Amino acid sequence: MTSLQVPSLASFSVSPLPELRFEGVTFNNEDKVLLGPCSFTLNGSGPTLVMGPNGAGKSLLLRLSHSLLQPTQGRITWSGEASPRQAMVFQHPVLLRRSAIANLIHALAVNKVPRRKRLKLARDALERFGLIDCCNTPARVLSGGEKQRLALARAWVLSPQVLFLDEPTSALDPAAIQAVEAAVREFHQRGTRIVMTTHDLHQAKRLAGDILFLSGGKVREHTSADAFFDAPVSQEAQAFIAGGLVE
């Protein structure tokens, strides 16, 4: 499912990239601290790849960033006066029970895009993401890679300033992974801040501008991709890159 938080379309601008700041953020489930305290600022040109072992808190961090969850303590803020236009694409997209193009048209309608513009915008997005031949195909019968590209196309039509992606290629074959990564690059070139979780070191090397590395619910490193892969500072990151166990 592509989850969207959208101010008025007329207010959208892709420059400059909005900055995301976590200040002493924690998230608890009852008495258990699942994340934090975390303090960092995403202010580079990105894309930012969020990495770490299973259970590190990567998906939780994205959901907090996208305001799907509220922190137990601390503050999450964006540069500027208002939250930027943002979208989130989940690991397993949940699509509407209608055709591929109808999924996009519905998103445009919900966000008050004039009716006369919806069809062209939707068709252009399907064309861009290689799905025009699936235009009238029920979204639920698309392949895994096609569903993920449809979710990205649904985000694309609403021009997000920030795009969160939670393990978008984890269950895909190599060709589908390549297509999704190409789409991520298109968003980045368009001027969208990308924040994406992955466990794939090779994918991070291909895409990342900077790395936010988590383990045990804490941020262990936040540095450029080159610095992270060439000379990780924390023992947890060193073990992760070496393929060892991370506490």
Protein backbone atom coordinates (compact mmCIF):
# COMPACT_ATOMS: atom_id res chain seq x y z
CA MET A 1 0.00 0.00 0.00
CA THR A 2 1.19 3.49 -0.73
CA SER A 3 0.43 5.60 2.32
CA LEU A 4 0.24 9.30 1.57
CA GLN A 5 0.22 12.51 3.57
CA VAL A 6 -0.49 15.27 1.14
CA PRO A 7 -0.88 19.01 1.52
CA SER A 8 -2.33 20.90 -1.44
CA LEU A 9 -0.82 19.91 -4.77
CA ALA A 10 -0.39 23.53 -5.76
CA SER A 11 2.07 24.04 -2.90
CA PHE A 12 4.50 21.33 -4.04
CA SER A 13 8.14 22.15 -4.71
CA VAL A 14 11.00 19.68 -5.10
CA SER A 15 13.72 22.05 -3.90
CA PRO A 16 15.32 22.18 -1.45
CA LEU A 17 15.13 18.68 -0.03
CA PRO A 18 13.32 18.73 3.32
CA GLU A 19 15.44 17.84 6.35
CA LEU A 20 14.23 15.22 8.81
CA ARG A 21 15.32 15.48 12.45
CA PHE A 22 14.93 12.99 15.30
CA GLU A 23 15.58 14.48 18.74
CA GLY A 24 15.74 11.96 21.58
CA VAL A 25 13.05 9.80 19.98
CA THR A 26 11.99 6.59 21.69
CA PHE A 27 9.16 4.19 20.99
CA ASN A 28 7.88 1.80 23.64
CA ASN A 29 5.52 -1.15 23.50
CA GLU A 30 4.10 -1.20 27.02
CA ASP A 31 7.27 -1.22 29.16
CA LYS A 32 9.65 -2.41 26.46
CA VAL A 33 11.76 0.11 24.53
CA LEU A 34 11.73 -0.98 20.88
CA LEU A 35 13.57 2.04 19.46
CA GLY A 36 15.78 4.74 20.85
CA PRO A 37 16.68 7.05 22.11
CA CYS A 38 17.56 8.21 18.58
CA SER A 39 18.93 11.59 17.52
CA PHE A 40 20.00 12.31 13.95
CA THR A 41 19.34 14.66 11.03
CA LEU A 42 18.87 13.64 7.41
CA ASN A 43 20.06 16.66 5.48
CA GLY A 44 22.21 15.24 2.70
CA SER A 45 21.23 14.81 -0.91
CA GLY A 46 20.66 11.08 -0.31
CA PRO A 47 19.30 8.54 -0.93
CA THR A 48 19.50 7.45 2.70
CA LEU A 49 19.62 3.68 3.17
CA VAL A 50 18.56 2.44 6.61
CA MET A 51 20.36 -0.81 7.39
CA GLY A 52 20.69 -3.27 10.23
CA PRO A 53 19.86 -6.84 11.25
CA ASN A 54 16.32 -8.16 11.61
CA GLY A 55 14.63 -6.60 14.61
CA ALA A 56 16.92 -3.57 14.63
CA GLY A 57 14.00 -1.13 14.34
CA LYS A 58 14.31 -0.15 10.67
CA SER A 59 10.63 -0.44 9.75
CA LEU A 60 9.62 1.15 13.03
CA LEU A 61 11.86 4.14 12.29
CA LEU A 62 10.18 4.61 8.89
CA ARG A 63 6.70 4.44 10.38
CA LEU A 64 7.61 7.03 12.97
CA SER A 65 9.12 9.26 10.29
CA HIS A 66 5.93 9.00 8.22
CA SER A 67 3.73 9.74 11.26
CA LEU A 68 2.03 6.35 11.13
CA LEU A 69 3.19 6.01 14.75
CA GLN A 70 3.86 8.64 17.36
CA PRO A 71 7.02 8.56 19.50
CA THR A 72 6.75 7.73 23.18
CA GLN A 73 9.29 10.46 23.88
CA GLY A 74 11.22 13.02 21.85
CA ARG A 75 10.43 15.03 18.73
CA ILE A 76 10.39 14.36 15.00
CA THR A 77 10.49 17.53 12.92
CA TRP A 78 10.91 18.65 9.34
CA SER A 79 12.63 21.74 8.04
CA GLY A 80 10.19 24.48 7.12
CA GLU A 81 6.83 25.29 8.64
CA ALA A 82 4.83 22.27 7.46
CA SER A 83 5.26 18.56 6.95
CA PRO A 84 6.39 17.92 3.37
CA ARG A 85 4.40 15.95 0.84
CA GLN A 86 5.41 12.37 1.53
CA ALA A 87 4.61 8.80 0.54
CA MET A 88 5.50 5.38 1.87
CA VAL A 89 5.71 2.16 -0.14
CA PHE A 90 5.57 -0.99 1.97
CA GLN A 91 7.33 -4.30 1.54
CA HIS A 92 4.07 -5.98 0.48
CA PRO A 93 1.92 -3.39 -1.35
CA VAL A 94 -1.80 -3.47 -0.59
CA LEU A 95 -3.63 -2.49 -3.75
CA LEU A 96 -7.27 -1.68 -4.35
CA ARG A 97 -9.53 -4.31 -5.91
CA ARG A 98 -9.62 -2.57 -9.25
CA SER A 99 -7.46 -2.17 -12.34
CA ALA A 100 -3.91 -0.84 -12.27
CA ILE A 101 -4.91 2.51 -13.75
CA ALA A 102 -7.92 2.78 -11.44
CA ASN A 103 -5.57 2.52 -8.45
CA LEU A 104 -3.75 5.62 -9.68
CA ILE A 105 -6.91 7.51 -10.62
CA HIS A 106 -8.34 6.83 -7.16
CA ALA A 107 -5.23 8.27 -5.49
CA LEU A 108 -5.48 11.39 -7.65
CA ALA A 109 -9.19 11.77 -6.90
CA VAL A 110 -8.66 11.42 -3.14
CA ASN A 111 -6.06 14.18 -3.36
CA LYS A 112 -8.42 16.48 -5.28
CA VAL A 113 -6.58 16.52 -8.60
CA PRO A 114 -9.03 17.89 -11.20
CA ARG A 115 -10.92 15.11 -12.97
CA ARG A 116 -9.81 16.27 -16.43
CA LYS A 117 -6.14 15.68 -15.50
CA ARG A 118 -6.39 12.30 -13.80
CA LEU A 119 -6.39 9.92 -16.77
CA LYS A 120 -3.38 11.51 -18.47
CA LEU A 121 -1.38 11.65 -15.23
CA ALA A 122 -2.20 8.02 -14.49
CA ARG A 123 -1.34 6.81 -18.00
CA ASP A 124 1.91 8.79 -18.01
CA ALA A 125 2.92 7.19 -14.69
CA LEU A 126 2.11 3.69 -15.93
CA GLU A 127 4.15 4.35 -19.05
CA ARG A 128 7.09 5.62 -17.03
CA PHE A 129 7.12 2.53 -14.82
CA GLY A 130 6.70 0.06 -17.67
CA LEU A 131 3.13 -0.88 -16.81
CA ILE A 132 1.08 0.61 -19.64
CA ASP A 133 0.32 -2.88 -21.01
CA CYS A 134 -1.16 -3.72 -17.60
CA CYS A 135 -3.37 -0.64 -17.64
CA ASN A 136 -6.67 -2.52 -17.36
CA THR A 137 -5.35 -5.58 -15.54
CA PRO A 138 -6.73 -6.13 -12.02
CA ALA A 139 -3.98 -4.99 -9.66
CA ARG A 140 -4.36 -8.06 -7.45
CA VAL A 141 -3.26 -10.45 -10.25
CA LEU A 142 -0.06 -8.59 -11.14
CA SER A 143 3.30 -10.19 -10.36
CA GLY A 144 5.20 -9.15 -7.24
CA GLY A 145 7.50 -6.87 -9.21
CA GLU A 146 4.59 -5.31 -11.11
CA LYS A 147 2.72 -4.67 -7.87
CA GLN A 148 5.75 -2.93 -6.41
CA ARG A 149 6.16 -0.78 -9.53
CA LEU A 150 2.46 0.06 -9.41
CA ALA A 151 2.86 1.20 -5.82
CA LEU A 152 5.77 3.39 -6.92
CA ALA A 153 3.72 4.76 -9.83
CA ARG A 154 0.92 5.57 -7.38
CA ALA A 155 3.38 7.58 -5.33
CA TRP A 156 4.87 9.21 -8.44
CA VAL A 157 1.59 10.75 -9.63
CA LEU A 158 1.37 12.74 -6.39
CA SER A 159 4.92 14.16 -6.62
CA PRO A 160 6.14 13.45 -3.07
CA GLN A 161 8.97 15.50 -1.65
CA VAL A 162 9.88 12.52 0.54
CA LEU A 163 9.52 8.83 -0.30
CA PHE A 164 9.88 6.12 2.35
CA LEU A 165 10.48 2.58 1.07
CA ASP A 166 10.41 -0.39 3.42
CA GLU A 167 12.40 -3.32 1.96
CA PRO A 168 10.76 -2.81 -1.47
CA THR A 169 12.77 -5.54 -3.22
CA SER A 170 13.07 -8.23 -0.54
CA ALA A 171 10.82 -10.78 -2.29
CA LEU A 172 11.60 -9.94 -5.91
CA ASP A 173 13.65 -11.63 -8.62
CA PRO A 174 16.76 -9.91 -10.06
CA ALA A 175 14.94 -8.33 -13.02
CA ALA A 176 12.23 -6.90 -10.77
CA ILE A 177 14.87 -5.62 -8.32
CA GLN A 178 16.62 -3.83 -11.17
CA ALA A 179 13.32 -2.21 -12.24
CA VAL A 180 12.52 -1.01 -8.73
CA GLU A 181 16.03 0.38 -8.24
CA ALA A 182 15.70 2.25 -11.56
CA ALA A 183 12.45 3.75 -10.26
CA VAL A 184 14.12 4.80 -7.01
CA ARG A 185 16.81 6.58 -9.04
CA GLU A 186 14.11 8.37 -11.03
CA PHE A 187 12.51 9.67 -7.84
CA HIS A 188 15.91 10.82 -6.62
CA GLN A 189 16.72 12.58 -9.90
CA ARG A 190 13.33 14.28 -9.75
CA GLY A 191 14.29 15.85 -6.44
CA THR A 192 12.64 13.53 -3.92
CA ARG A 193 14.30 12.67 -0.63
CA ILE A 194 14.59 8.89 -0.47
CA VAL A 195 14.68 7.00 2.85
CA MET A 196 14.79 3.26 2.23
CA THR A 197 15.36 0.21 4.40
CA THR A 198 17.33 -2.74 3.06
CA HIS A 199 19.35 -5.68 4.35
CA ASP A 200 21.16 -6.04 1.01
CA LEU A 201 24.71 -4.69 1.17
CA HIS A 202 25.11 -4.71 -2.61
CA GLN A 203 21.91 -2.75 -3.08
CA ALA A 204 23.02 -0.19 -0.52
CA LYS A 205 26.33 0.23 -2.34
CA ARG A 206 24.46 0.82 -5.60
CA LEU A 207 21.95 3.34 -4.25
CA ALA A 208 23.08 5.00 -1.03
CA GLY A 209 24.37 8.48 -0.52
CA ASP A 210 24.44 7.95 3.23
CA ILE A 211 23.81 5.05 5.61
CA LEU A 212 21.81 5.07 8.83
CA PHE A 213 22.78 1.86 10.62
CA LEU A 214 20.67 0.47 13.45
CA SER A 215 21.02 -2.44 15.83
CA GLY A 216 19.19 -3.15 19.05
CA GLY A 217 16.83 -0.25 18.40
CA LYS A 218 19.63 2.32 18.42
CA VAL A 219 21.43 4.27 15.70
CA ARG A 220 25.02 3.01 15.77
CA GLU A 221 26.30 4.97 12.77
CA HIS A 222 25.14 7.67 10.40
CA THR A 223 27.72 8.46 7.76
CA SER A 224 28.36 8.57 4.03
CA ALA A 225 28.04 5.29 2.17
CA ASP A 226 31.74 5.36 1.25
CA ALA A 227 32.81 5.84 4.88
CA PHE A 228 30.40 3.17 6.12
CA PHE A 229 31.60 0.48 3.73
CA ASP A 230 35.29 1.44 3.78
CA ALA A 231 35.77 2.02 7.50
CA PRO A 232 32.76 1.30 9.74
CA VAL A 233 33.33 2.62 13.24
CA SER A 234 30.99 0.58 15.43
CA GLN A 235 31.56 -3.09 16.22
CA GLU A 236 27.97 -3.79 15.22
CA ALA A 237 28.46 -2.32 11.74
CA GLN A 238 31.77 -4.12 11.30
CA ALA A 239 30.10 -7.44 12.14
CA PHE A 240 27.14 -6.71 9.85
CA ILE A 241 29.34 -5.92 6.84
CA ALA A 242 31.45 -9.01 7.52
CA GLY A 243 28.34 -11.18 7.59
CA GLY A 244 28.63 -12.00 11.27
CA LEU A 245 26.10 -11.97 14.07
CA VAL A 246 25.06 -8.54 15.35
CA GLU A 247 23.84 -8.17 18.91
